[in-house]
Amino acid sequence: MDPPSRKAGQDPDPDGDRRRIDELDARLKAARGAVEKPNQGSGMSQRQSSVAYRVLVDMIAGLLVGGFLGYWLDRWWGSQPYMLVLMTVLGFAGGLNNAWRTIKAYARDAEQGEQK
């Protein structure tokens, strides 16, 4: 279907099309306004999400390693399910310890950054 500006039998006008596209582009840019650049605080939020992911990975890794080690020890010694439970609890404690150290290091770095 031809646009309303074209009549049957007329050759397309590429210059006119280009001009209309440029005008439409200019109107779109004006309507959008100036794009705001991210403020300086966005680097801090990226750091916060990085620390949050690290804490999550530490906790999950501690549980998985402890659970796997406990399962393996139970199979080897035949002491089911005592070692699984014990090692899972120890793995959780180790993951919690790593997460706590990560959070303390982040807090220390954030405090030093504020003082500068």
C-alpha atoms as a PDB file:
ATOM      1  CA  MET A   1       0.000   0.000   0.000  1.00  0.00           C
ATOM      2  CA  ASP A   2       1.411   3.362  -1.008  1.00  0.00           C
ATOM      3  CA  PRO A   3       1.599   6.219   1.483  1.00  0.00           C
ATOM      4  CA  PRO A   4      -1.033   8.932   0.961  1.00  0.00           C
ATOM      5  CA  SER A   5       1.533  11.415  -0.391  1.00  0.00           C
ATOM      6  CA  ARG A   6       2.270   9.227  -3.406  1.00  0.00           C
ATOM      7  CA  LYS A   7      -0.061   8.988  -6.297  1.00  0.00           C
ATOM      8  CA  ALA A   8      -0.283   6.080  -8.654  1.00  0.00           C
ATOM      9  CA  GLY A   9       2.085   6.502 -11.531  1.00  0.00           C
ATOM     10  CA  GLN A  10       4.507   8.880  -9.778  1.00  0.00           C
ATOM     11  CA  ASP A  11       8.099   7.907  -9.211  1.00  0.00           C
ATOM     12  CA  PRO A  12       9.165   7.695  -5.580  1.00  0.00           C
ATOM     13  CA  ASP A  13      10.958  10.743  -4.259  1.00  0.00           C
ATOM     14  CA  PRO A  14      13.941   9.458  -2.215  1.00  0.00           C
ATOM     15  CA  ASP A  15      15.040  12.978  -1.287  1.00  0.00           C
ATOM     16  CA  GLY A  16      11.599  13.816   0.048  1.00  0.00           C
ATOM     17  CA  ASP A  17      11.482  10.552   1.984  1.00  0.00           C
ATOM     18  CA  ARG A  18      14.896  11.240   3.458  1.00  0.00           C
ATOM     19  CA  ARG A  19      13.839  14.769   4.437  1.00  0.00           C
ATOM     20  CA  ARG A  20      10.666  13.469   6.143  1.00  0.00           C
ATOM     21  CA  ILE A  21      12.689  10.845   8.024  1.00  0.00           C
ATOM     22  CA  ASP A  22      15.176  13.506   9.168  1.00  0.00           C
ATOM     23  CA  GLU A  23      12.319  15.748  10.322  1.00  0.00           C
ATOM     24  CA  LEU A  24      10.718  12.877  12.208  1.00  0.00           C
ATOM     25  CA  ASP A  25      14.073  12.030  13.805  1.00  0.00           C
ATOM     26  CA  ALA A  26      14.530  15.642  14.899  1.00  0.00           C
ATOM     27  CA  ARG A  27      11.031  15.716  16.408  1.00  0.00           C
ATOM     28  CA  LEU A  28      11.705  12.466  18.270  1.00  0.00           C
ATOM     29  CA  LYS A  29      14.966  13.807  19.699  1.00  0.00           C
ATOM     30  CA  ALA A  30      13.217  16.994  20.806  1.00  0.00           C
ATOM     31  CA  ALA A  31      10.395  15.015  22.419  1.00  0.00           C
ATOM     32  CA  ARG A  32      12.781  12.769  24.310  1.00  0.00           C
ATOM     33  CA  GLY A  33      14.705  15.710  25.683  1.00  0.00           C
ATOM     34  CA  ALA A  34      18.177  15.548  27.089  1.00  0.00           C
ATOM     35  CA  VAL A  35      19.225  12.127  28.288  1.00  0.00           C
ATOM     36  CA  GLU A  36      20.449  12.254  31.855  1.00  0.00           C
ATOM     37  CA  LYS A  37      23.818  10.735  32.491  1.00  0.00           C
ATOM     38  CA  PRO A  38      24.116   8.372  35.456  1.00  0.00           C
ATOM     39  CA  ASN A  39      25.243  10.085  38.622  1.00  0.00           C
ATOM     40  CA  GLN A  40      28.353   9.214  40.573  1.00  0.00           C
ATOM     41  CA  GLY A  41      26.359   7.050  42.995  1.00  0.00           C
ATOM     42  CA  SER A  42      25.782   4.385  40.340  1.00  0.00           C
ATOM     43  CA  GLY A  43      29.334   3.049  40.790  1.00  0.00           C
ATOM     44  CA  MET A  44      28.563   2.447  44.425  1.00  0.00           C
ATOM     45  CA  SER A  45      25.374   0.543  43.625  1.00  0.00           C
ATOM     46  CA  GLN A  46      27.318  -1.668  41.222  1.00  0.00           C
ATOM     47  CA  ARG A  47      29.792  -2.376  43.994  1.00  0.00           C
ATOM     48  CA  GLN A  48      26.929  -3.165  46.369  1.00  0.00           C
ATOM     49  CA  SER A  49      25.397  -5.663  43.956  1.00  0.00           C
ATOM     50  CA  SER A  50      28.821  -7.236  43.466  1.00  0.00           C
ATOM     51  CA  VAL A  51      29.191  -7.711  47.223  1.00  0.00           C
ATOM     52  CA  ALA A  52      25.649  -9.102  47.462  1.00  0.00           C
ATOM     53  CA  TYR A  53      26.377 -11.699  44.768  1.00  0.00           C
ATOM     54  CA  ARG A  54      29.614 -12.623  46.492  1.00  0.00           C
ATOM     55  CA  VAL A  55      27.796 -13.143  49.795  1.00  0.00           C
ATOM     56  CA  LEU A  56      25.200 -15.288  48.036  1.00  0.00           C
ATOM     57  CA  VAL A  57      27.856 -17.411  46.341  1.00  0.00           C
ATOM     58  CA  ASP A  58      29.770 -17.830  49.615  1.00  0.00           C
ATOM     59  CA  MET A  59      26.666 -19.053  51.406  1.00  0.00           C
ATOM     60  CA  ILE A  60      25.625 -21.481  48.667  1.00  0.00           C
ATOM     61  CA  ALA A  61      29.165 -22.788  48.177  1.00  0.00           C
ATOM     62  CA  GLY A  62      29.553 -23.422  51.911  1.00  0.00           C
ATOM     63  CA  LEU A  63      26.310 -25.402  51.992  1.00  0.00           C
ATOM     64  CA  LEU A  64      27.152 -27.406  48.881  1.00  0.00           C
ATOM     65  CA  VAL A  65      30.726 -28.232  49.880  1.00  0.00           C
ATOM     66  CA  GLY A  66      29.690 -29.157  53.415  1.00  0.00           C
ATOM     67  CA  GLY A  67      26.775 -31.250  52.185  1.00  0.00           C
ATOM     68  CA  PHE A  68      28.877 -33.063  49.595  1.00  0.00           C
ATOM     69  CA  LEU A  69      31.668 -33.733  52.074  1.00  0.00           C
ATOM     70  CA  GLY A  70      29.178 -34.985  54.677  1.00  0.00           C
ATOM     71  CA  TYR A  71      27.477 -37.253  52.150  1.00  0.00           C
ATOM     72  CA  TRP A  72      30.839 -38.646  51.051  1.00  0.00           C
ATOM     73  CA  LEU A  73      31.938 -39.269  54.661  1.00  0.00           C
ATOM     74  CA  ASP A  74      28.604 -40.966  55.443  1.00  0.00           C
ATOM     75  CA  ARG A  75      29.016 -43.295  52.489  1.00  0.00           C
ATOM     76  CA  TRP A  76      32.618 -44.062  53.438  1.00  0.00           C
ATOM     77  CA  TRP A  77      32.064 -44.614  57.178  1.00  0.00           C
ATOM     78  CA  GLY A  78      28.451 -45.797  57.044  1.00  0.00           C
ATOM     79  CA  SER A  79      27.357 -43.264  59.652  1.00  0.00           C
ATOM     80  CA  GLN A  80      24.293 -41.988  57.817  1.00  0.00           C
ATOM     81  CA  PRO A  81      23.015 -39.171  58.221  1.00  0.00           C
ATOM     82  CA  TYR A  82      25.156 -37.788  61.024  1.00  0.00           C
ATOM     83  CA  MET A  83      28.134 -36.575  59.009  1.00  0.00           C
ATOM     84  CA  LEU A  84      25.839 -35.075  56.358  1.00  0.00           C
ATOM     85  CA  VAL A  85      24.069 -32.989  58.974  1.00  0.00           C
ATOM     86  CA  LEU A  86      27.272 -32.060  60.803  1.00  0.00           C
ATOM     87  CA  MET A  87      29.195 -31.092  57.670  1.00  0.00           C
ATOM     88  CA  THR A  88      26.237 -29.160  56.241  1.00  0.00           C
ATOM     89  CA  VAL A  89      26.064 -27.131  59.455  1.00  0.00           C
ATOM     90  CA  LEU A  90      29.843 -26.578  59.356  1.00  0.00           C
ATOM     91  CA  GLY A  91      29.611 -25.598  55.669  1.00  0.00           C
ATOM     92  CA  PHE A  92      26.876 -23.098  56.509  1.00  0.00           C
ATOM     93  CA  ALA A  93      29.018 -21.684  59.320  1.00  0.00           C
ATOM     94  CA  GLY A  94      32.001 -21.382  56.965  1.00  0.00           C
ATOM     95  CA  GLY A  95      29.880 -19.653  54.325  1.00  0.00           C
ATOM     96  CA  LEU A  96      28.488 -17.313  56.957  1.00  0.00           C
ATOM     97  CA  ASN A  97      32.021 -16.509  58.134  1.00  0.00           C
ATOM     98  CA  ASN A  98      33.170 -15.718  54.580  1.00  0.00           C
ATOM     99  CA  ALA A  99      30.087 -13.594  53.971  1.00  0.00           C
ATOM    100  CA  TRP A 100      30.658 -11.669  57.219  1.00  0.00           C
ATOM    101  CA  ARG A 101      34.286 -10.959  56.294  1.00  0.00           C
ATOM    102  CA  THR A 102      33.195  -9.750  52.833  1.00  0.00           C
ATOM    103  CA  ILE A 103      30.582  -7.435  54.326  1.00  0.00           C
ATOM    104  CA  LYS A 104      33.075  -6.037  56.862  1.00  0.00           C
ATOM    105  CA  ALA A 105      35.637  -5.380  54.100  1.00  0.00           C
ATOM    106  CA  TYR A 106      32.984  -3.616  52.018  1.00  0.00           C
ATOM    107  CA  ALA A 107      31.897  -1.487  54.981  1.00  0.00           C
ATOM    108  CA  ARG A 108      35.510  -0.547  55.699  1.00  0.00           C
ATOM    109  CA  ASP A 109      36.107   0.421  52.052  1.00  0.00           C
ATOM    110  CA  ALA A 110      32.869   2.437  51.942  1.00  0.00           C
ATOM    111  CA  GLU A 111      33.810   4.268  55.146  1.00  0.00           C
ATOM    112  CA  GLN A 112      37.252   5.151  53.760  1.00  0.00           C
ATOM    113  CA  GLY A 113      35.647   6.326  50.513  1.00  0.00           C
ATOM    114  CA  GLU A 114      33.335   8.689  52.423  1.00  0.00           C
ATOM    115  CA  GLN A 115      36.226  10.172  54.389  1.00  0.00           C
ATOM    116  CA  LYS A 116      38.135  11.144  51.249  1.00  0.00           C
END
